[in-house]
Amino acid sequence: MFTNLSEKLYSVFSSVPFDTLVWVVCGTYAGIFLLSLLGCAFSKKIRAAEKRPFLSLTNAYSALVLAVFLIKQPFAQSVLVAVLFWVAGYILYGALRAASSGKKPAPQAQKEVLLSSMPVSLPKNMRAEVPAAKTNVRLEHAVSVTEKLLSKNLGKTDRMELEKLKNTLAVLQMKGALSPVESDILNENFNMLLKLMAKYNV
């Protein structure tokens, strides 16, 4: 049974011109590589996908090249061609991997981004807190200006910013004394208030 099947398969393949078989095998492999390369160039999803299936495909095509050349060529020559095809396939696999690799931030750069996004919190023994009396005067002035501005006919964005600022000032009032970081926040809010005061003539 299996002998007859193998003989039929061999007769089918051997009846096809040898050059045609070679062009079909090498052409389809080259076409798959070009499609993969274009996919990496134009699709983020394909670029990020695993490329090991292409490596498995290269191994399968190398075996197919060996089988095709054994139809017409001696064993030694067929193995040599298959090995050369396999090496070329691995080089193409490396090129595909290179095309897929985007620029990634260095670990140190990632750490700096993470650190810069973290809230600053100093130990209590390192905080030079702003006196409560001075803080209260500044906060009360900021709160009164905020209330005046909220009574004006404000733009939607300005009103939203002032509402956020009002909540921030309320939290700072509860602190009594401010740390240097919190004092900087208060200064930034004062700067924003000055701009809005000039904008709305308060």
Protein backbone atom coordinates (compact mmCIF):
# COMPACT_ATOMS: atom_id res chain seq x y z
CA MET A 1 0.00 0.00 0.00
CA PHE A 2 2.60 2.54 1.12
CA THR A 3 4.96 1.39 -1.62
CA ASN A 4 2.36 2.11 -4.27
CA LEU A 5 1.61 5.50 -2.69
CA SER A 6 5.26 6.51 -2.67
CA GLU A 7 5.69 5.37 -6.26
CA LYS A 8 2.66 7.41 -7.37
CA LEU A 9 3.91 10.51 -5.52
CA TYR A 10 7.35 10.11 -7.03
CA SER A 11 5.94 9.71 -10.52
CA VAL A 12 3.79 12.82 -10.08
CA PHE A 13 6.69 14.99 -8.95
CA SER A 14 9.15 13.54 -11.45
CA SER A 15 6.73 14.24 -14.28
CA VAL A 16 6.93 17.98 -13.53
CA PRO A 17 9.93 19.68 -15.16
CA PHE A 18 12.81 19.97 -12.71
CA ASP A 19 13.32 23.70 -13.27
CA THR A 20 9.63 24.31 -12.62
CA LEU A 21 9.82 22.51 -9.28
CA VAL A 22 12.87 24.52 -8.24
CA TRP A 23 11.23 27.80 -9.21
CA VAL A 24 8.00 26.91 -7.38
CA VAL A 25 9.80 25.95 -4.15
CA CYS A 26 12.27 28.85 -4.12
CA GLY A 27 9.68 31.32 -5.42
CA THR A 28 7.07 30.55 -2.76
CA TYR A 29 9.71 30.79 -0.02
CA ALA A 30 10.95 34.13 -1.34
CA GLY A 31 7.35 35.34 -1.60
CA ILE A 32 6.66 34.43 2.04
CA PHE A 33 9.82 36.26 3.12
CA LEU A 34 8.92 39.41 1.17
CA LEU A 35 5.38 39.40 2.58
CA SER A 36 6.77 39.02 6.09
CA LEU A 37 9.25 41.83 5.52
CA LEU A 38 6.56 44.17 4.19
CA GLY A 39 4.32 43.22 7.09
CA CYS A 40 7.07 44.22 9.54
CA ALA A 41 7.48 47.54 7.73
CA PHE A 42 3.81 48.51 7.70
CA SER A 43 2.13 46.65 10.59
CA LYS A 44 3.03 47.06 14.26
CA LYS A 45 1.20 43.84 15.08
CA ILE A 46 3.26 41.78 12.62
CA ARG A 47 6.45 43.57 13.70
CA ALA A 48 5.82 42.60 17.32
CA ALA A 49 4.81 39.01 16.48
CA GLU A 50 7.10 36.05 17.16
CA LYS A 51 9.35 35.22 14.18
CA ARG A 52 10.24 31.63 15.11
CA PRO A 53 7.52 30.20 12.78
CA PHE A 54 9.55 31.59 9.86
CA LEU A 55 12.52 29.63 11.18
CA SER A 56 10.46 26.44 11.22
CA LEU A 57 9.29 27.22 7.70
CA THR A 58 12.93 27.58 6.62
CA ASN A 59 13.73 24.12 7.99
CA ALA A 60 10.73 22.62 6.18
CA TYR A 61 11.66 24.29 2.89
CA SER A 62 15.25 23.08 3.24
CA ALA A 63 13.97 19.50 3.42
CA LEU A 64 11.71 20.21 0.42
CA VAL A 65 14.68 21.54 -1.59
CA LEU A 66 16.62 18.38 -0.74
CA ALA A 67 13.73 16.21 -1.93
CA VAL A 68 13.35 18.16 -5.19
CA PHE A 69 17.06 18.00 -6.05
CA LEU A 70 17.25 14.27 -5.27
CA ILE A 71 14.88 13.70 -8.18
CA LYS A 72 17.52 14.76 -10.72
CA GLN A 73 20.82 15.26 -8.87
CA PRO A 74 23.20 12.95 -6.97
CA PHE A 75 22.85 12.75 -3.19
CA ALA A 76 25.98 14.76 -2.36
CA GLN A 77 25.03 17.64 -4.66
CA SER A 78 21.45 17.65 -3.38
CA VAL A 79 22.61 17.84 0.24
CA LEU A 80 24.99 20.69 -0.62
CA VAL A 81 22.21 22.71 -2.28
CA ALA A 82 19.86 22.06 0.66
CA VAL A 83 22.50 23.18 3.17
CA LEU A 84 23.17 26.36 1.18
CA PHE A 85 19.44 27.05 1.06
CA TRP A 86 19.20 26.45 4.81
CA VAL A 87 22.06 28.88 5.52
CA ALA A 88 20.48 31.51 3.27
CA GLY A 89 17.18 30.98 5.06
CA TYR A 90 18.80 31.59 8.45
CA ILE A 91 20.35 34.81 7.10
CA LEU A 92 16.90 35.93 5.92
CA TYR A 93 15.50 35.02 9.33
CA GLY A 94 18.12 37.27 10.93
CA ALA A 95 17.17 40.09 8.54
CA LEU A 96 13.52 39.62 9.49
CA ARG A 97 14.40 39.81 13.18
CA ALA A 98 16.44 42.96 12.56
CA ALA A 99 13.53 44.57 10.72
CA SER A 100 11.22 43.69 13.62
CA SER A 101 13.37 45.15 16.37
CA GLY A 102 12.36 48.73 17.20
CA LYS A 103 14.35 51.13 19.32
CA LYS A 104 13.74 50.40 22.95
CA PRO A 105 14.57 52.78 25.77
CA ALA A 106 17.65 51.85 27.71
CA PRO A 107 17.07 50.45 31.21
CA GLN A 108 18.59 53.55 32.79
CA ALA A 109 16.29 55.80 30.77
CA GLN A 110 13.30 53.73 31.89
CA LYS A 111 14.36 54.09 35.51
CA GLU A 112 14.67 57.85 35.12
CA VAL A 113 11.19 58.07 33.63
CA LEU A 114 9.76 56.01 36.46
CA LEU A 115 11.53 58.05 39.10
CA SER A 116 10.44 61.34 37.56
CA SER A 117 6.82 60.19 37.59
CA MET A 118 6.88 59.23 41.29
CA PRO A 119 5.63 61.72 43.86
CA VAL A 120 8.41 63.29 45.89
CA SER A 121 8.23 62.50 49.57
CA LEU A 122 11.12 63.50 51.83
CA PRO A 123 11.77 62.02 55.26
CA LYS A 124 10.47 64.14 58.12
CA ASN A 125 13.97 64.88 59.41
CA MET A 126 14.90 66.35 55.99
CA ARG A 127 11.84 68.58 55.59
CA ALA A 128 12.24 72.29 56.17
CA GLU A 129 8.58 73.09 56.63
CA VAL A 130 7.19 76.54 55.91
CA PRO A 131 5.84 78.17 59.12
CA ALA A 132 2.10 77.71 59.58
CA ALA A 133 1.39 81.44 60.12
CA LYS A 134 2.94 82.46 56.80
CA THR A 135 1.27 79.55 55.05
CA ASN A 136 -2.18 80.47 56.33
CA VAL A 137 -1.89 84.05 55.08
CA ARG A 138 -0.90 82.92 51.60
CA LEU A 139 -3.56 80.22 51.49
CA GLU A 140 -6.33 82.55 52.65
CA HIS A 141 -5.36 85.06 49.97
CA ALA A 142 -5.33 82.32 47.31
CA VAL A 143 -8.72 81.02 48.46
CA SER A 144 -10.29 84.50 48.36
CA VAL A 145 -8.93 85.14 44.84
CA THR A 146 -10.19 81.73 43.72
CA GLU A 147 -13.68 82.51 45.05
CA LYS A 148 -13.71 85.86 43.21
CA LEU A 149 -12.65 84.20 39.98
CA LEU A 150 -15.30 81.50 40.31
CA SER A 151 -17.96 84.20 40.53
CA LYS A 152 -16.93 85.47 37.08
CA ASN A 153 -18.21 84.27 33.73
CA LEU A 154 -15.35 81.84 33.11
CA GLY A 155 -14.56 79.60 30.21
CA LYS A 156 -15.24 75.90 30.73
CA THR A 157 -11.55 74.95 30.91
CA ASP A 158 -10.67 77.79 33.30
CA ARG A 159 -13.57 76.89 35.59
CA MET A 160 -12.49 73.25 35.72
CA GLU A 161 -8.91 74.27 36.56
CA LEU A 162 -10.13 76.60 39.31
CA GLU A 163 -12.34 73.89 40.80
CA LYS A 164 -9.30 71.59 40.97
CA LEU A 165 -7.25 74.41 42.46
CA LYS A 166 -9.92 75.06 45.08
CA ASN A 167 -9.79 71.43 46.19
CA THR A 168 -5.98 71.53 46.31
CA LEU A 169 -6.02 74.67 48.46
CA ALA A 170 -8.51 73.06 50.82
CA VAL A 171 -6.16 70.11 51.32
CA LEU A 172 -3.18 72.42 51.90
CA GLN A 173 -5.15 74.45 54.47
CA MET A 174 -5.65 71.31 56.53
CA LYS A 175 -1.89 70.73 56.67
CA GLY A 176 -1.06 73.78 58.81
CA ALA A 177 2.62 73.79 57.78
CA LEU A 178 3.85 72.91 54.31
CA SER A 179 6.86 70.93 53.19
CA PRO A 180 9.13 72.39 50.48
CA VAL A 181 7.37 70.31 47.84
CA GLU A 182 3.94 71.43 48.98
CA SER A 183 5.18 75.03 49.09
CA ASP A 184 6.26 74.68 45.45
CA ILE A 185 2.77 73.44 44.58
CA LEU A 186 1.31 76.50 46.27
CA ASN A 187 3.66 78.77 44.29
CA GLU A 188 2.62 77.15 41.02
CA ASN A 189 -1.02 77.69 41.91
CA PHE A 190 -0.29 81.36 42.69
CA ASN A 191 1.25 81.75 39.25
CA MET A 192 -1.84 80.29 37.64
CA LEU A 193 -4.07 82.57 39.73
CA LEU A 194 -2.09 85.63 38.63
CA LYS A 195 -2.61 84.72 34.98
CA LEU A 196 -6.34 84.22 35.49
CA MET A 197 -6.61 87.46 37.47
CA ALA A 198 -5.06 89.34 34.57
CA LYS A 199 -7.29 87.51 32.08
CA TYR A 200 -10.56 88.28 33.94
CA ASN A 201 -9.56 91.66 35.46
CA VAL A 202 -9.84 90.59 39.10
